[in-house]
Amino acid sequence: MATCFRVPISMPTSMPASSTRFTPTRLRTLRTVNAISKSKIPFNPNDPFLSKLASVAESSPETLFNPSSSPDNLPFLDIFDSPQLMATPAQLERSASYSQQRRPKRPPPDLPSLLLNGRIVYIGMPLVPAVTELVIAELMFLQWMAPKEPIYIYINSTGTTRADGETVAMESEGFAIYDAMMQMKTEINTVALGAAVGQACLLLSAGTKGRRYMTPHAKAMIQQPRVPSSGLRPASDVLIHAKEVMVNRDTLVKLLAKHTENSEETVSNVMKRSYYMDALLAKEFGVIDKILWRGQEKIMADVPSRDDRENGTAGAKVENRF
């Protein structure tokens, strides 16, 4: 319940004569006290500031007009022994809590980070060094988080070349992702969306046997590695690069033959020119195992809940419908 107090306006007779000469600041303060004394002011008795002020006003109002007070300061501030009375610990705690609530929230995570919640790695660009770095880091992170849960790699990439055939990266970028996949102890599902060209086709075929998929209208294409633009390089350097490309070609043939279960001679013959495959031909050639026909088969179950992820039971399940 609110408490009221009155501020006496009579000045003590013991005040020195010099104190009767009021400065403009003190006169304004006196008028304020006179106005307060004419009405009852409700206040919270638990407030240390108002309680202290009311007590001093009733017992010794002359302290409100301390001559030693500077005109620039409020006269009644001299009655407090410690500035801690101006704010209680509870008030300070509420103030700190409010400041924390007013802090800006963290920005939302980027899309690849969100896809990691479903253990999905998406390759949607040519295999330039920046893409290779991100893909390998994601694979290592997923392996560390849950070594027994499957990983899903979605591929829509032109490999180490652009769509117009110009080389944008070394063949070692594709081999780096391939080696990282081979080091994984978990099951790897690969899914081709759009196109899987060159080194991207190798990554598609390198998934776990029986877990390699293509959408009905996706394309796969295998081709020989290409010599980067020579520019003004010396003839000897051009020859060195050409020999390196031949070595990468032989390596690519061996790996494709291994995962497609074809002979190296067969793979080498079809690679003499760009060899395009639709989903049916890619399945026949051994690049994939299944086609994701609508309504017949799907590989991703519902997105796991937050509780499942926190409990370590997250991980999309493979569901086949025939």
Protein backbone atom coordinates (compact mmCIF):
# COMPACT_ATOMS: atom_id res chain seq x y z
CA MET A 1 0.00 0.00 0.00
CA ALA A 2 1.36 3.41 -0.91
CA THR A 3 2.60 5.65 1.94
CA CYS A 4 2.30 9.42 2.02
CA PHE A 5 4.46 12.03 3.68
CA ARG A 6 4.49 15.80 4.12
CA VAL A 7 7.55 17.97 3.83
CA PRO A 8 7.62 20.71 6.51
CA ILE A 9 8.12 24.18 5.14
CA SER A 10 9.10 26.00 8.34
CA MET A 11 12.76 26.84 8.49
CA PRO A 12 14.65 26.19 11.76
CA THR A 13 15.48 29.25 13.86
CA SER A 14 19.02 28.06 14.43
CA MET A 15 20.08 28.60 10.84
CA PRO A 16 22.81 31.23 10.44
CA ALA A 17 21.96 34.60 9.00
CA SER A 18 24.04 33.94 5.94
CA SER A 19 21.85 30.97 5.09
CA THR A 20 18.76 33.21 4.85
CA ARG A 21 20.19 34.66 1.67
CA PHE A 22 18.90 32.21 -0.84
CA THR A 23 20.51 31.85 -4.22
CA PRO A 24 18.19 31.45 -7.25
CA THR A 25 18.76 27.70 -7.18
CA ARG A 26 17.88 27.44 -3.51
CA LEU A 27 14.81 29.63 -4.00
CA ARG A 28 13.55 27.30 -6.73
CA THR A 29 14.13 24.36 -4.41
CA LEU A 30 12.21 26.12 -1.61
CA ARG A 31 9.28 26.78 -3.92
CA THR A 32 9.28 23.11 -4.90
CA VAL A 33 9.25 22.04 -1.25
CA ASN A 34 6.39 24.45 -0.52
CA ALA A 35 4.40 23.00 -3.40
CA ILE A 36 5.05 19.47 -2.19
CA SER A 37 3.97 20.33 1.34
CA LYS A 38 0.51 21.35 0.17
CA SER A 39 -0.36 17.86 -1.09
CA LYS A 40 0.27 14.31 -0.01
CA ILE A 41 2.63 12.49 -2.33
CA PRO A 42 2.25 8.69 -2.50
CA PHE A 43 5.47 6.76 -2.66
CA ASN A 44 6.74 3.23 -2.35
CA PRO A 45 8.04 2.65 1.19
CA ASN A 46 10.44 0.00 -0.11
CA ASP A 47 12.20 2.52 -2.32
CA PRO A 48 15.43 3.45 -0.46
CA PHE A 49 15.73 6.82 -2.18
CA LEU A 50 12.24 8.10 -1.33
CA SER A 51 12.30 6.59 2.16
CA LYS A 52 15.56 8.32 2.96
CA LEU A 53 14.33 11.61 1.53
CA ALA A 54 11.07 11.48 3.51
CA SER A 55 12.92 10.67 6.72
CA VAL A 56 15.31 13.59 6.35
CA ALA A 57 12.52 15.98 5.36
CA GLU A 58 10.61 15.19 8.57
CA SER A 59 13.55 15.17 10.97
CA SER A 60 15.90 17.89 9.69
CA PRO A 61 14.68 19.76 6.63
CA GLU A 62 17.59 22.19 6.85
CA THR A 63 19.82 19.56 5.30
CA LEU A 64 17.86 20.01 2.10
CA PHE A 65 19.38 23.49 1.86
CA ASN A 66 22.99 22.71 2.67
CA PRO A 67 24.95 25.90 1.90
CA SER A 68 27.95 23.81 0.89
CA SER A 69 26.01 22.37 -2.05
CA SER A 70 27.08 23.58 -5.42
CA PRO A 71 24.39 25.41 -7.45
CA ASP A 72 25.03 22.91 -10.20
CA ASN A 73 24.13 19.95 -7.98
CA LEU A 74 20.82 18.98 -6.42
CA PRO A 75 20.96 20.02 -2.71
CA PHE A 76 19.41 16.85 -1.32
CA LEU A 77 22.10 14.55 -2.79
CA ASP A 78 24.38 15.35 0.16
CA ILE A 79 22.16 13.40 2.57
CA PHE A 80 23.18 10.05 1.10
CA ASP A 81 26.27 8.35 2.48
CA SER A 82 26.72 5.91 -0.41
CA PRO A 83 25.61 6.03 -4.04
CA GLN A 84 24.58 2.37 -3.70
CA LEU A 85 21.27 3.55 -2.24
CA MET A 86 20.33 4.97 -5.61
CA ALA A 87 19.84 1.45 -7.06
CA THR A 88 19.22 -1.79 -5.23
CA PRO A 89 20.81 -5.09 -6.35
CA ALA A 90 17.42 -6.23 -7.64
CA GLN A 91 17.17 -3.11 -9.79
CA LEU A 92 20.66 -3.68 -11.16
CA GLU A 93 19.80 -7.31 -11.97
CA ARG A 94 16.66 -6.26 -13.83
CA SER A 95 18.64 -3.65 -15.73
CA ALA A 96 21.27 -6.21 -16.77
CA SER A 97 18.55 -8.66 -17.81
CA TYR A 98 16.88 -6.00 -19.93
CA SER A 99 20.18 -5.13 -21.60
CA GLN A 100 20.72 -8.76 -22.54
CA GLN A 101 17.22 -8.99 -23.99
CA ARG A 102 17.87 -5.92 -26.12
CA ARG A 103 21.01 -7.40 -27.67
CA PRO A 104 20.66 -8.24 -31.36
CA LYS A 105 20.05 -11.90 -32.11
CA ARG A 106 22.58 -14.00 -33.96
CA PRO A 107 22.12 -14.07 -37.73
CA PRO A 108 20.52 -17.23 -39.10
CA PRO A 109 22.91 -19.90 -40.36
CA ASP A 110 23.63 -20.25 -44.07
CA LEU A 111 21.86 -22.84 -46.21
CA PRO A 112 24.67 -25.47 -46.26
CA SER A 113 24.67 -25.43 -42.46
CA LEU A 114 20.93 -26.04 -42.40
CA LEU A 115 21.28 -28.93 -44.85
CA LEU A 116 23.82 -30.54 -42.53
CA ASN A 117 20.99 -31.11 -40.05
CA GLY A 118 19.67 -33.67 -42.52
CA ARG A 119 23.22 -34.92 -43.25
CA ILE A 120 22.96 -33.55 -46.78
CA VAL A 121 25.93 -32.30 -48.82
CA TYR A 122 24.98 -30.42 -51.96
CA ILE A 123 27.43 -29.95 -54.86
CA GLY A 124 25.84 -27.41 -57.17
CA MET A 125 28.87 -25.74 -58.77
CA PRO A 126 31.96 -26.69 -60.73
CA LEU A 127 34.61 -28.30 -58.56
CA VAL A 128 36.74 -25.22 -57.97
CA PRO A 129 38.98 -25.18 -54.86
CA ALA A 130 36.43 -23.29 -52.72
CA VAL A 131 33.74 -25.90 -53.44
CA THR A 132 36.13 -28.77 -52.79
CA GLU A 133 37.16 -27.26 -49.46
CA LEU A 134 33.54 -26.92 -48.31
CA VAL A 135 32.50 -30.41 -49.41
CA ILE A 136 35.43 -32.15 -47.76
CA ALA A 137 34.91 -30.14 -44.55
CA GLU A 138 31.24 -31.12 -44.45
CA LEU A 139 32.06 -34.79 -44.99
CA MET A 140 34.60 -34.74 -42.19
CA PHE A 141 32.15 -32.97 -39.88
CA LEU A 142 29.34 -35.46 -40.55
CA GLN A 143 31.72 -38.38 -40.05
CA TRP A 144 32.77 -36.92 -36.69
CA MET A 145 29.20 -36.17 -35.56
CA ALA A 146 27.68 -39.58 -36.32
CA PRO A 147 30.00 -42.21 -37.84
CA LYS A 148 27.18 -44.74 -38.27
CA GLU A 149 24.56 -42.48 -39.88
CA PRO A 150 24.26 -42.26 -43.70
CA ILE A 151 25.38 -39.24 -45.70
CA TYR A 152 23.49 -37.90 -48.73
CA ILE A 153 25.41 -36.16 -51.53
CA TYR A 154 23.28 -34.34 -54.09
CA ILE A 155 25.17 -33.55 -57.31
CA ASN A 156 24.44 -30.98 -60.00
CA SER A 157 27.87 -30.09 -61.27
CA THR A 158 29.87 -29.86 -64.49
CA GLY A 159 32.98 -31.21 -62.78
CA THR A 160 36.23 -29.35 -63.30
CA THR A 161 34.92 -27.60 -66.43
CA ARG A 162 32.25 -25.04 -67.11
CA ALA A 163 29.15 -25.69 -69.18
CA ASP A 164 30.96 -24.40 -72.28
CA GLY A 165 33.81 -26.88 -71.74
CA GLU A 166 36.44 -24.45 -70.47
CA THR A 167 38.62 -25.87 -67.70
CA VAL A 168 38.22 -24.05 -64.39
CA ALA A 169 40.10 -26.33 -61.98
CA MET A 170 42.61 -29.16 -61.85
CA GLU A 171 41.44 -32.76 -61.94
CA SER A 172 42.89 -33.18 -58.47
CA GLU A 173 39.89 -31.28 -57.06
CA GLY A 174 37.57 -34.11 -58.01
CA PHE A 175 40.04 -36.73 -56.85
CA ALA A 176 40.27 -34.97 -53.47
CA ILE A 177 36.51 -35.31 -52.86
CA TYR A 178 36.64 -38.91 -54.12
CA ASP A 179 39.41 -39.80 -51.67
CA ALA A 180 37.48 -38.16 -48.83
CA MET A 181 34.42 -40.25 -49.71
CA MET A 182 36.49 -43.40 -49.68
CA GLN A 183 37.71 -42.58 -46.18
CA MET A 184 34.18 -42.35 -44.81
CA LYS A 185 33.13 -45.26 -42.61
CA THR A 186 29.45 -44.54 -43.10
CA GLU A 187 27.06 -45.27 -45.94
CA ILE A 188 27.11 -42.63 -48.70
CA ASN A 189 24.03 -42.05 -50.86
CA THR A 190 24.66 -40.13 -54.10
CA VAL A 191 21.88 -38.48 -56.07
CA ALA A 192 22.27 -36.81 -59.48
CA LEU A 193 20.13 -33.76 -60.12
CA GLY A 194 20.44 -31.94 -63.42
CA ALA A 195 23.89 -32.99 -64.58
CA ALA A 196 26.90 -34.94 -63.39
CA VAL A 197 29.75 -34.30 -65.82
CA GLY A 198 33.32 -35.60 -65.78
CA GLN A 199 34.62 -35.72 -62.22
CA ALA A 200 31.09 -35.19 -60.90
CA CYS A 201 30.05 -38.39 -62.68
CA LEU A 202 32.88 -40.18 -60.90
CA LEU A 203 31.57 -38.92 -57.54
CA LEU A 204 28.09 -40.12 -58.47
CA SER A 205 29.33 -43.62 -59.22
CA ALA A 206 31.50 -43.69 -56.08
CA GLY A 207 28.54 -43.88 -53.70
CA THR A 208 27.73 -46.98 -51.72
CA LYS A 209 26.70 -49.83 -53.96
CA GLY A 210 22.92 -49.94 -54.16
CA ARG A 211 22.63 -46.32 -52.92
CA ARG A 212 23.37 -44.44 -56.16
CA TYR A 213 20.41 -42.61 -57.66
CA MET A 214 19.40 -40.32 -60.50
CA THR A 215 16.26 -38.33 -61.06
CA PRO A 216 14.41 -39.23 -64.28
CA HIS A 217 15.53 -36.18 -66.27
CA ALA A 218 19.09 -35.88 -65.00
CA LYS A 219 22.11 -36.39 -67.26
CA ALA A 220 25.44 -38.04 -66.65
CA MET A 221 28.44 -37.57 -68.90
CA ILE A 222 31.97 -38.92 -68.87
CA GLN A 223 34.75 -37.25 -70.81
CA GLN A 224 38.50 -37.07 -70.95
CA PRO A 225 40.30 -34.48 -68.83
CA ARG A 226 41.15 -31.37 -70.81
CA VAL A 227 44.39 -29.43 -71.07
CA PRO A 228 44.11 -26.01 -69.45
CA SER A 229 44.65 -22.96 -71.61
CA SER A 230 48.35 -22.75 -72.42
CA GLY A 231 48.49 -19.01 -73.07
CA LEU A 232 52.11 -17.86 -73.45
CA ARG A 233 53.67 -20.87 -71.73
CA PRO A 234 56.84 -22.36 -73.18
CA ALA A 235 56.48 -25.46 -75.32
CA SER A 236 58.18 -27.62 -72.68
CA ASP A 237 55.60 -26.57 -70.06
CA VAL A 238 52.75 -27.37 -72.43
CA LEU A 239 54.18 -30.86 -72.90
CA ILE A 240 54.44 -31.34 -69.11
CA HIS A 241 50.79 -30.35 -68.65
CA ALA A 242 49.71 -32.64 -71.47
CA LYS A 243 51.47 -35.59 -69.84
CA GLU A 244 49.77 -34.81 -66.53
CA VAL A 245 46.38 -34.76 -68.24
CA MET A 246 47.08 -38.19 -69.73
CA VAL A 247 47.92 -39.53 -66.27
CA ASN A 248 44.66 -38.09 -64.88
CA ARG A 249 42.77 -39.67 -67.78
CA ASP A 250 44.17 -43.12 -67.01
CA THR A 251 43.31 -42.68 -63.33
CA LEU A 252 39.77 -41.63 -64.17
CA VAL A 253 39.33 -44.65 -66.45
CA LYS A 254 40.47 -47.05 -63.72
CA LEU A 255 38.15 -45.54 -61.10
CA LEU A 256 35.13 -45.49 -63.39
CA ALA A 257 35.79 -49.07 -64.43
CA LYS A 258 35.98 -50.09 -60.78
CA HIS A 259 32.66 -48.48 -59.75
CA THR A 260 30.68 -49.22 -62.91
CA GLU A 261 32.00 -52.81 -63.10
CA ASN A 262 33.04 -52.34 -66.72
CA SER A 263 36.41 -53.13 -68.22
CA GLU A 264 38.95 -50.35 -68.56
CA GLU A 265 38.91 -50.86 -72.30
CA THR A 266 35.15 -50.28 -72.44
CA VAL A 267 35.36 -47.11 -70.38
CA SER A 268 38.33 -45.86 -72.39
CA ASN A 269 36.49 -46.38 -75.66
CA VAL A 270 33.37 -44.48 -74.63
CA MET A 271 35.53 -41.69 -73.20
CA LYS A 272 37.18 -40.94 -76.53
CA ARG A 273 34.32 -38.51 -77.08
CA SER A 274 31.87 -36.96 -74.68
CA TYR A 275 29.52 -39.76 -73.63
CA TYR A 276 26.10 -38.56 -72.43
CA MET A 277 23.78 -40.85 -70.49
CA ASP A 278 20.22 -40.39 -69.36
CA ALA A 279 18.96 -42.14 -66.26
CA LEU A 280 18.17 -45.41 -68.03
CA LEU A 281 21.50 -45.56 -69.87
CA ALA A 282 23.42 -44.58 -66.74
CA LYS A 283 21.77 -47.44 -64.87
CA GLU A 284 22.61 -49.82 -67.69
CA PHE A 285 26.21 -48.63 -67.81
CA GLY A 286 26.58 -49.07 -64.03
CA VAL A 287 26.92 -45.42 -62.96
CA ILE A 288 23.80 -45.64 -60.77
CA ASP A 289 21.65 -48.34 -59.22
CA LYS A 290 18.15 -46.87 -59.15
CA ILE A 291 16.05 -44.15 -60.74
CA LEU A 292 13.90 -41.96 -58.54
CA TRP A 293 10.60 -42.30 -60.37
CA ARG A 294 7.88 -40.15 -58.85
CA GLY A 295 5.57 -42.08 -56.55
CA GLN A 296 7.59 -45.28 -56.74
CA GLU A 297 10.69 -44.60 -54.75
CA LYS A 298 12.15 -41.99 -52.45
CA ILE A 299 15.31 -41.92 -50.39
CA MET A 300 14.70 -39.12 -47.90
CA ALA A 301 12.30 -39.64 -45.02
CA ASP A 302 10.75 -36.78 -43.08
CA VAL A 303 13.18 -34.19 -41.72
CA PRO A 304 14.25 -35.25 -38.20
CA SER A 305 13.04 -33.16 -35.30
CA ARG A 306 15.29 -31.13 -33.04
CA ASP A 307 14.86 -33.69 -30.22
CA ASP A 308 16.06 -36.45 -32.53
CA ARG A 309 19.13 -34.45 -33.48
CA GLU A 310 19.95 -33.61 -29.85
CA ASN A 311 19.48 -37.24 -28.80
CA GLY A 312 21.78 -38.44 -31.56
CA THR A 313 19.06 -40.35 -33.37
CA ALA A 314 18.91 -37.93 -36.33
CA GLY A 315 19.70 -39.10 -39.80
CA ALA A 316 17.43 -39.50 -42.77
CA LYS A 317 16.35 -43.07 -43.42
CA VAL A 318 16.30 -44.77 -46.77
CA GLU A 319 12.87 -45.89 -47.85
CA ASN A 320 12.27 -47.83 -51.05
CA ARG A 321 8.84 -48.36 -52.50
CA PHE A 322 8.34 -50.79 -55.33
